[in-house]
Amino acid sequence: MNTEEYLPPLATRAQRVALLIGLLAAAWVMLHLFGSMLLPFVAAAGIAYFLDPLAVRLTGIGVGRSIGAGVLILGVLMAILFFALLLYPVLLAQIGLLVNRVPTYVQLLRGFANDSLLSLQDRLGADFVDEKLRDLVGGQAGAMLSFAITAITRVVGGSFAIFNVVTLLVVTPVVAFYLLRDWPSVIGRINSWLPKRYAGVLRAQAREVNRILSAWLRGQLICCLLLAIYYAGALSLVGLDLGLIVGMTAGLLSFIPYVGSITGLVCAVGLAMAQFPTWVGVTMVVVVFGVGNLLEGYVIYPRFLGDRVELHAVWVIFALLAGGAAFGFVGVLLAVPTAAIIGVLLRFWLRRYLESPLYLDPPMHPGADAQ
């Protein structure tokens, strides 16, 4: 008896579009509803992704995946603890110095504002800039600086912030261990869920995203650490009192193109003007950042990033700002992976367009419009 082979019905275009929209909507709703508690899990996923190549190498030499994951996570924790213990006394001393110098900085800022207004009064006349305006601007300048210091102190010392930090330090290593241990099975499970019709294309795009993202993350981490070490060491050698904090901040913020160096330069020059009696110290600070920009542009970034990363600086800045505005710090962490995925998809669709009749159709005959 002849039996016809059963063929499952083909999915319609409307079903495919509905599935895609449903997945995007579910991700959006989850980020909005649970964004405040996702930070440890997103950080753990990033750590597991970063350490997976090392875990694969340990597995290749005969170390079990669970043991290798435990060793790697423990090594990361020990490194963080070592640097924290090493830098804690210095950072604590510099923070204390900053707090003690806030009144001095307030007076200097108020004096700078008054001097600027006096100069403006000499140029534009007393009718344009009067004494009340000078007092108002001088008082507001000091009040703004005091408010900024107070706000930072409250944010750092608030119970909710401490709770979040403790949660991040406790939950992240545990989740990172389990993710790193089960990373191959997690990727295999996701791979088995891909729609069979587009599985080959999706795997190819996923490999491209992984190539770009891994190069950016690992290269950017090395670059930020090197720049933080350089700026902190150089500013400390120059004699800037808060050079360690400013230098480390400038280096760690370098993952946002141009933001780290500009922020560090502005803060360092302002502190140098308040500390050094002559312009020699200010000039030395400017030279430090000038040399740092040369090293960043011509040595560090070409060596550790180069042309492997197809993420334009403007695209990275936009992604970071958009992610932060939409989902806070979790959005910042997810910004670069999302930007890499969107960039790969856009290049894929651009190639499809350039190979399609929409692009390849010959130009119309000059008399075709008249017919």
Protein backbone atom coordinates (compact mmCIF):
# COMPACT_ATOMS: atom_id res chain seq x y z
CA MET A 1 0.00 0.00 0.00
CA ASN A 2 1.41 3.35 -1.02
CA THR A 3 1.66 5.89 1.71
CA GLU A 4 2.33 9.52 1.09
CA GLU A 5 5.16 11.05 3.04
CA TYR A 6 3.87 13.62 5.49
CA LEU A 7 5.18 17.10 4.85
CA PRO A 8 4.67 19.71 7.52
CA PRO A 9 2.99 22.94 6.36
CA LEU A 10 5.27 25.80 5.44
CA ALA A 11 5.31 28.87 7.64
CA THR A 12 3.82 31.97 6.11
CA ARG A 13 5.53 35.35 5.96
CA ALA A 14 3.02 36.70 8.49
CA GLN A 15 3.97 33.95 10.96
CA ARG A 16 7.68 34.69 10.58
CA VAL A 17 7.12 38.43 11.07
CA ALA A 18 4.88 37.75 14.08
CA LEU A 19 7.54 35.52 15.66
CA LEU A 20 10.24 38.16 15.20
CA ILE A 21 8.05 40.95 16.57
CA GLY A 22 7.04 38.75 19.52
CA LEU A 23 10.65 38.01 20.44
CA LEU A 24 11.63 41.67 20.25
CA ALA A 25 8.58 42.73 22.27
CA ALA A 26 9.29 40.09 24.94
CA ALA A 27 12.91 41.27 25.24
CA TRP A 28 11.77 44.90 25.49
CA VAL A 29 9.18 44.15 28.18
CA MET A 30 11.65 42.05 30.17
CA LEU A 31 14.23 44.83 30.15
CA HIS A 32 11.65 47.36 31.31
CA LEU A 33 10.13 45.17 34.01
CA PHE A 34 13.28 43.54 35.37
CA GLY A 35 15.98 46.01 34.32
CA SER A 36 16.80 46.92 37.93
CA MET A 37 17.69 43.31 38.82
CA LEU A 38 19.34 42.21 35.57
CA LEU A 39 22.73 43.84 36.18
CA PRO A 40 24.37 40.83 37.96
CA PHE A 41 23.10 38.46 35.27
CA VAL A 42 24.22 40.65 32.36
CA ALA A 43 27.63 41.13 34.00
CA ALA A 44 27.89 37.38 34.63
CA ALA A 45 27.04 36.62 31.00
CA GLY A 46 29.75 39.04 29.87
CA ILE A 47 32.32 37.40 32.17
CA ALA A 48 31.35 33.92 30.94
CA TYR A 49 31.57 35.03 27.32
CA PHE A 50 34.96 36.62 27.94
CA LEU A 51 36.40 33.57 29.73
CA ASP A 52 34.95 30.88 27.47
CA PRO A 53 38.04 30.66 25.18
CA LEU A 54 40.25 30.08 28.23
CA ALA A 55 37.85 27.42 29.51
CA VAL A 56 37.99 25.70 26.11
CA ARG A 57 41.80 25.65 26.30
CA LEU A 58 41.69 24.15 29.79
CA THR A 59 39.26 21.50 28.59
CA GLY A 60 41.62 20.72 25.70
CA ILE A 61 44.46 19.87 28.10
CA GLY A 62 42.27 17.54 30.14
CA VAL A 63 40.80 19.83 32.82
CA GLY A 64 37.11 19.26 33.45
CA ARG A 65 34.76 22.03 32.45
CA SER A 66 33.46 22.51 36.02
CA ILE A 67 36.96 22.62 37.50
CA GLY A 68 38.20 24.94 34.76
CA ALA A 69 35.23 27.29 35.24
CA GLY A 70 35.80 27.35 39.00
CA VAL A 71 39.51 28.08 38.60
CA LEU A 72 38.87 30.91 36.15
CA ILE A 73 36.17 32.59 38.24
CA LEU A 74 38.31 32.23 41.35
CA GLY A 75 41.25 33.74 39.49
CA VAL A 76 39.16 36.75 38.45
CA LEU A 77 37.97 37.25 42.03
CA MET A 78 41.52 37.00 43.39
CA ALA A 79 42.77 39.53 40.83
CA ILE A 80 39.99 41.99 41.73
CA LEU A 81 40.65 41.49 45.44
CA PHE A 82 44.39 41.98 44.96
CA PHE A 83 44.00 45.26 43.11
CA ALA A 84 41.33 46.43 45.58
CA LEU A 85 43.62 45.80 48.56
CA LEU A 86 46.55 47.34 46.72
CA LEU A 87 44.75 50.51 45.68
CA TYR A 88 42.31 50.90 48.58
CA PRO A 89 44.61 52.88 50.93
CA VAL A 90 45.70 55.25 48.15
CA LEU A 91 42.17 55.77 46.85
CA LEU A 92 40.88 56.34 50.38
CA ALA A 93 43.58 58.95 51.02
CA GLN A 94 42.84 60.76 47.77
CA ILE A 95 39.08 60.75 48.41
CA GLY A 96 39.74 62.24 51.86
CA LEU A 97 41.96 64.86 50.25
CA LEU A 98 39.20 65.69 47.76
CA VAL A 99 36.60 66.11 50.52
CA ASN A 100 38.93 68.37 52.53
CA ARG A 101 39.64 70.54 49.52
CA VAL A 102 36.02 71.07 48.48
CA PRO A 103 35.79 74.48 50.30
CA THR A 104 38.97 75.61 48.55
CA TYR A 105 37.63 74.55 45.16
CA VAL A 106 34.36 76.37 45.91
CA GLN A 107 36.23 79.60 46.66
CA LEU A 108 38.39 79.25 43.55
CA LEU A 109 35.37 78.59 41.35
CA ARG A 110 33.55 81.56 42.86
CA GLY A 111 36.57 83.79 42.32
CA PHE A 112 36.93 82.61 38.72
CA ALA A 113 33.26 83.39 38.05
CA ASN A 114 33.57 86.86 39.59
CA ASP A 115 36.76 87.65 37.66
CA SER A 116 35.10 86.55 34.42
CA LEU A 117 32.11 88.79 35.08
CA LEU A 118 34.36 91.75 35.97
CA SER A 119 36.18 91.29 32.68
CA LEU A 120 32.83 91.09 30.90
CA GLN A 121 31.69 94.24 32.72
CA ASP A 122 34.75 96.13 31.54
CA ARG A 123 33.98 95.17 27.95
CA LEU A 124 30.20 95.60 27.91
CA GLY A 125 29.65 98.21 30.61
CA ALA A 126 28.12 98.34 34.08
CA ASP A 127 24.58 98.42 32.71
CA PHE A 128 24.99 94.93 31.27
CA VAL A 129 26.78 93.28 34.23
CA ASP A 130 25.95 94.73 37.64
CA GLU A 131 27.05 93.79 41.17
CA LYS A 132 23.94 91.74 41.92
CA LEU A 133 24.57 89.53 38.90
CA ARG A 134 28.16 88.97 39.99
CA ASP A 135 27.08 87.95 43.49
CA LEU A 136 24.41 85.67 42.08
CA VAL A 137 26.76 83.90 39.67
CA GLY A 138 29.51 83.56 42.26
CA GLY A 139 27.13 82.11 44.83
CA GLN A 140 25.55 79.72 42.34
CA ALA A 141 28.96 78.48 41.14
CA GLY A 142 29.92 77.47 44.66
CA ALA A 143 26.47 76.03 45.33
CA MET A 144 26.62 73.87 42.20
CA LEU A 145 29.98 72.38 43.16
CA SER A 146 28.84 71.73 46.72
CA PHE A 147 25.65 70.12 45.45
CA ALA A 148 27.62 67.87 43.09
CA ILE A 149 29.92 66.68 45.89
CA THR A 150 26.98 66.09 48.23
CA ALA A 151 25.03 64.20 45.59
CA ILE A 152 28.00 61.95 44.80
CA THR A 153 28.49 61.25 48.51
CA ARG A 154 24.84 60.33 48.96
CA VAL A 155 24.81 58.09 45.92
CA VAL A 156 27.96 56.28 46.96
CA GLY A 157 26.95 55.98 50.59
CA GLY A 158 23.24 55.30 50.12
CA SER A 159 21.86 52.03 51.46
CA PHE A 160 20.29 51.13 48.12
CA ALA A 161 23.59 51.66 46.30
CA ILE A 162 25.41 49.53 48.87
CA PHE A 163 22.76 46.82 48.51
CA ASN A 164 23.22 46.83 44.73
CA VAL A 165 27.00 46.62 45.05
CA VAL A 166 26.77 43.72 47.51
CA THR A 167 24.28 41.93 45.26
CA LEU A 168 26.55 42.47 42.27
CA LEU A 169 29.61 41.14 44.12
CA VAL A 170 27.80 38.09 45.51
CA VAL A 171 25.43 37.05 42.72
CA THR A 172 27.64 37.79 39.71
CA PRO A 173 30.43 35.25 40.47
CA VAL A 174 27.92 32.48 41.20
CA VAL A 175 25.92 33.08 38.03
CA ALA A 176 29.12 33.51 36.01
CA PHE A 177 30.41 30.13 37.23
CA TYR A 178 27.25 28.29 36.19
CA LEU A 179 27.08 30.07 32.84
CA LEU A 180 30.75 29.39 32.11
CA ARG A 181 30.40 25.74 33.12
CA ASP A 182 27.31 25.21 30.95
CA TRP A 183 28.26 27.57 28.10
CA PRO A 184 28.65 24.86 25.41
CA SER A 185 25.32 23.26 26.31
CA VAL A 186 23.58 26.66 26.39
CA ILE A 187 24.91 27.55 22.94
CA GLY A 188 24.01 24.07 21.66
CA ARG A 189 20.47 24.39 22.98
CA ILE A 190 19.99 27.79 21.35
CA ASN A 191 21.49 26.39 18.14
CA SER A 192 18.91 23.57 18.15
CA TRP A 193 16.06 26.10 18.40
CA LEU A 194 17.02 27.96 15.21
CA PRO A 195 14.42 27.67 12.40
CA LYS A 196 15.70 25.03 10.01
CA ARG A 197 15.03 27.08 6.91
CA TYR A 198 17.31 29.92 8.03
CA ALA A 199 19.64 28.04 10.37
CA GLY A 200 22.65 28.28 8.04
CA VAL A 201 22.25 32.01 7.50
CA LEU A 202 21.68 32.68 11.21
CA ARG A 203 24.75 30.65 12.20
CA ALA A 204 26.89 32.54 9.70
CA GLN A 205 25.71 35.90 11.04
CA ALA A 206 26.20 34.70 14.62
CA ARG A 207 29.80 33.75 13.85
CA GLU A 208 30.36 37.21 12.36
CA VAL A 209 28.86 38.89 15.44
CA ASN A 210 31.04 36.72 17.69
CA ARG A 211 34.16 37.64 15.71
CA ILE A 212 33.50 41.38 15.94
CA LEU A 213 32.24 41.37 19.51
CA SER A 214 35.02 39.21 20.93
CA ALA A 215 37.67 41.35 19.23
CA TRP A 216 36.08 44.55 20.54
CA LEU A 217 35.52 43.36 24.12
CA ARG A 218 38.91 41.76 24.66
CA GLY A 219 40.81 44.45 22.80
CA GLN A 220 38.93 47.27 24.51
CA LEU A 221 39.52 45.79 27.96
CA ILE A 222 43.27 45.63 27.36
CA CYS A 223 43.31 49.17 25.96
CA CYS A 224 41.36 50.60 28.92
CA LEU A 225 43.63 48.92 31.44
CA LEU A 226 46.79 50.14 29.70
CA LEU A 227 45.46 53.71 29.45
CA ALA A 228 44.33 53.67 33.10
CA ILE A 229 47.79 52.54 34.20
CA TYR A 230 49.48 55.18 32.03
CA TYR A 231 47.28 58.13 33.04
CA ALA A 232 47.28 57.22 36.74
CA GLY A 233 51.05 56.74 36.81
CA ALA A 234 51.89 59.79 34.70
CA LEU A 235 49.59 62.17 36.59
CA SER A 236 50.94 60.89 39.90
CA LEU A 237 54.52 61.46 38.70
CA VAL A 238 53.60 64.99 37.65
CA GLY A 239 52.49 65.58 41.24
CA LEU A 240 48.75 66.06 40.77
CA ASP A 241 47.17 65.33 44.14
CA LEU A 242 44.17 63.45 42.73
CA GLY A 243 46.09 62.08 39.76
CA LEU A 244 45.43 58.43 40.60
CA ILE A 245 41.64 58.84 40.64
CA VAL A 246 41.54 61.09 37.58
CA GLY A 247 43.92 58.86 35.62
CA MET A 248 42.08 55.65 36.40
CA THR A 249 38.75 57.25 35.54
CA ALA A 250 40.08 58.59 32.24
CA GLY A 251 41.49 55.20 31.29
CA LEU A 252 38.42 53.18 32.25
CA LEU A 253 36.11 55.60 30.44
CA SER A 254 38.12 55.17 27.25
CA PHE A 255 35.73 52.43 26.10
CA ILE A 256 33.53 55.39 25.08
CA PRO A 257 35.48 56.98 22.20
CA TYR A 258 36.99 60.37 23.12
CA VAL A 259 34.97 60.64 26.37
CA GLY A 260 37.67 59.24 28.65
CA SER A 261 40.48 61.47 27.42
CA ILE A 262 38.34 64.63 27.25
CA THR A 263 36.82 64.09 30.71
CA GLY A 264 40.21 63.32 32.23
CA LEU A 265 41.84 66.33 30.56
CA VAL A 266 39.17 68.77 31.77
CA CYS A 267 39.24 67.44 35.36
CA ALA A 268 43.04 67.24 35.50
CA VAL A 269 43.56 70.75 34.11
CA GLY A 270 41.00 72.17 36.54
CA LEU A 271 42.67 70.47 39.51
CA ALA A 272 46.12 71.52 38.28
CA MET A 273 45.05 75.17 38.02
CA ALA A 274 43.82 75.00 41.62
CA GLN A 275 46.94 73.22 42.91
CA PHE A 276 49.99 74.55 41.05
CA PRO A 277 51.03 78.20 41.53
CA THR A 278 52.49 78.48 38.01
CA TRP A 279 51.48 77.29 34.56
CA VAL A 280 54.30 74.73 34.50
CA GLY A 281 52.20 72.13 36.32
CA VAL A 282 49.20 72.74 34.06
CA THR A 283 51.42 72.41 30.99
CA MET A 284 52.80 69.10 32.26
CA VAL A 285 49.25 67.77 32.74
CA VAL A 286 48.37 68.79 29.18
CA VAL A 287 51.51 67.07 27.90
CA VAL A 288 50.53 63.88 29.76
CA PHE A 289 47.18 63.75 27.96
CA GLY A 290 48.76 64.72 24.64
CA VAL A 291 51.20 61.81 24.86
CA GLY A 292 48.33 59.59 26.01
CA ASN A 293 46.29 60.45 22.92
CA LEU A 294 49.27 59.68 20.69
CA LEU A 295 49.80 56.32 22.39
CA GLU A 296 46.08 55.57 22.20
CA GLY A 297 45.73 56.46 18.52
CA TYR A 298 49.01 55.14 17.11
CA VAL A 299 50.19 52.35 19.43
CA ILE A 300 47.60 50.84 21.77
CA TYR A 301 44.44 50.78 19.66
CA PRO A 302 46.11 49.71 16.39
CA ARG A 303 47.91 46.93 18.26
CA PHE A 304 44.99 45.47 20.22
CA LEU A 305 41.98 46.46 18.08
CA GLY A 306 43.15 47.37 14.59
CA ASP A 307 40.83 46.62 11.68
CA ARG A 308 39.25 43.55 13.28
CA VAL A 309 36.51 45.62 14.88
CA GLU A 310 33.94 46.92 12.40
CA LEU A 311 32.24 49.23 14.88
CA HIS A 312 32.52 52.91 14.02
CA ALA A 313 33.20 55.28 16.92
CA VAL A 314 30.06 57.32 16.24
CA TRP A 315 27.95 54.13 16.19
CA VAL A 316 29.44 53.01 19.52
CA ILE A 317 28.78 56.41 21.15
CA PHE A 318 25.19 56.45 19.91
CA ALA A 319 24.61 52.88 21.09
CA LEU A 320 26.00 53.60 24.57
CA LEU A 321 23.96 56.79 24.99
CA ALA A 322 20.79 55.18 23.63
CA GLY A 323 21.20 52.10 25.81
CA GLY A 324 21.81 54.19 28.91
CA ALA A 325 18.82 56.44 28.20
CA ALA A 326 16.50 53.49 27.59
CA PHE A 327 17.58 50.94 30.22
CA GLY A 328 20.15 52.59 32.49
CA PHE A 329 23.43 50.84 33.27
CA VAL A 330 22.09 47.51 32.00
CA GLY A 331 21.46 49.22 28.67
CA VAL A 332 25.06 50.45 28.63
CA LEU A 333 26.32 46.88 29.12
CA LEU A 334 24.05 45.60 26.33
CA ALA A 335 24.72 48.52 23.99
CA VAL A 336 27.86 47.26 22.24
CA PRO A 337 26.59 43.66 21.70
CA THR A 338 23.36 45.08 20.30
CA ALA A 339 25.30 47.50 18.09
CA ALA A 340 27.43 44.62 16.79
CA ILE A 341 24.33 42.54 15.97
CA ILE A 342 22.60 45.44 14.22
CA GLY A 343 25.78 46.25 12.28
CA VAL A 344 26.17 42.67 11.05
CA LEU A 345 22.50 42.48 10.03
CA LEU A 346 22.68 45.80 8.21
CA ARG A 347 25.75 44.69 6.25
CA PHE A 348 24.03 41.39 5.43
CA TRP A 349 20.91 43.16 4.18
CA LEU A 350 23.05 45.66 2.24
CA ARG A 351 24.80 42.78 0.45
CA ARG A 352 21.42 41.23 -0.34
CA TYR A 353 20.19 44.56 -1.69
CA LEU A 354 23.28 45.06 -3.88
CA GLU A 355 22.69 41.59 -5.37
CA SER A 356 18.94 42.11 -5.89
CA PRO A 357 17.04 43.48 -8.91
CA LEU A 358 16.18 46.57 -6.84
CA TYR A 359 19.81 47.64 -7.27
CA LEU A 360 20.86 45.76 -10.43
CA ASP A 361 17.95 46.72 -12.70
CA PRO A 362 19.35 48.79 -15.61
CA PRO A 363 18.37 52.45 -15.90
CA MET A 364 15.20 53.20 -17.79
CA HIS A 365 15.33 54.29 -21.43
CA PRO A 366 15.15 58.08 -21.75
CA GLY A 367 11.89 57.80 -23.70
CA ALA A 368 10.29 55.28 -21.38
CA ASP A 369 8.60 57.92 -19.24
CA ALA A 370 6.97 59.49 -22.28
CA GLN A 371 5.34 56.22 -23.36
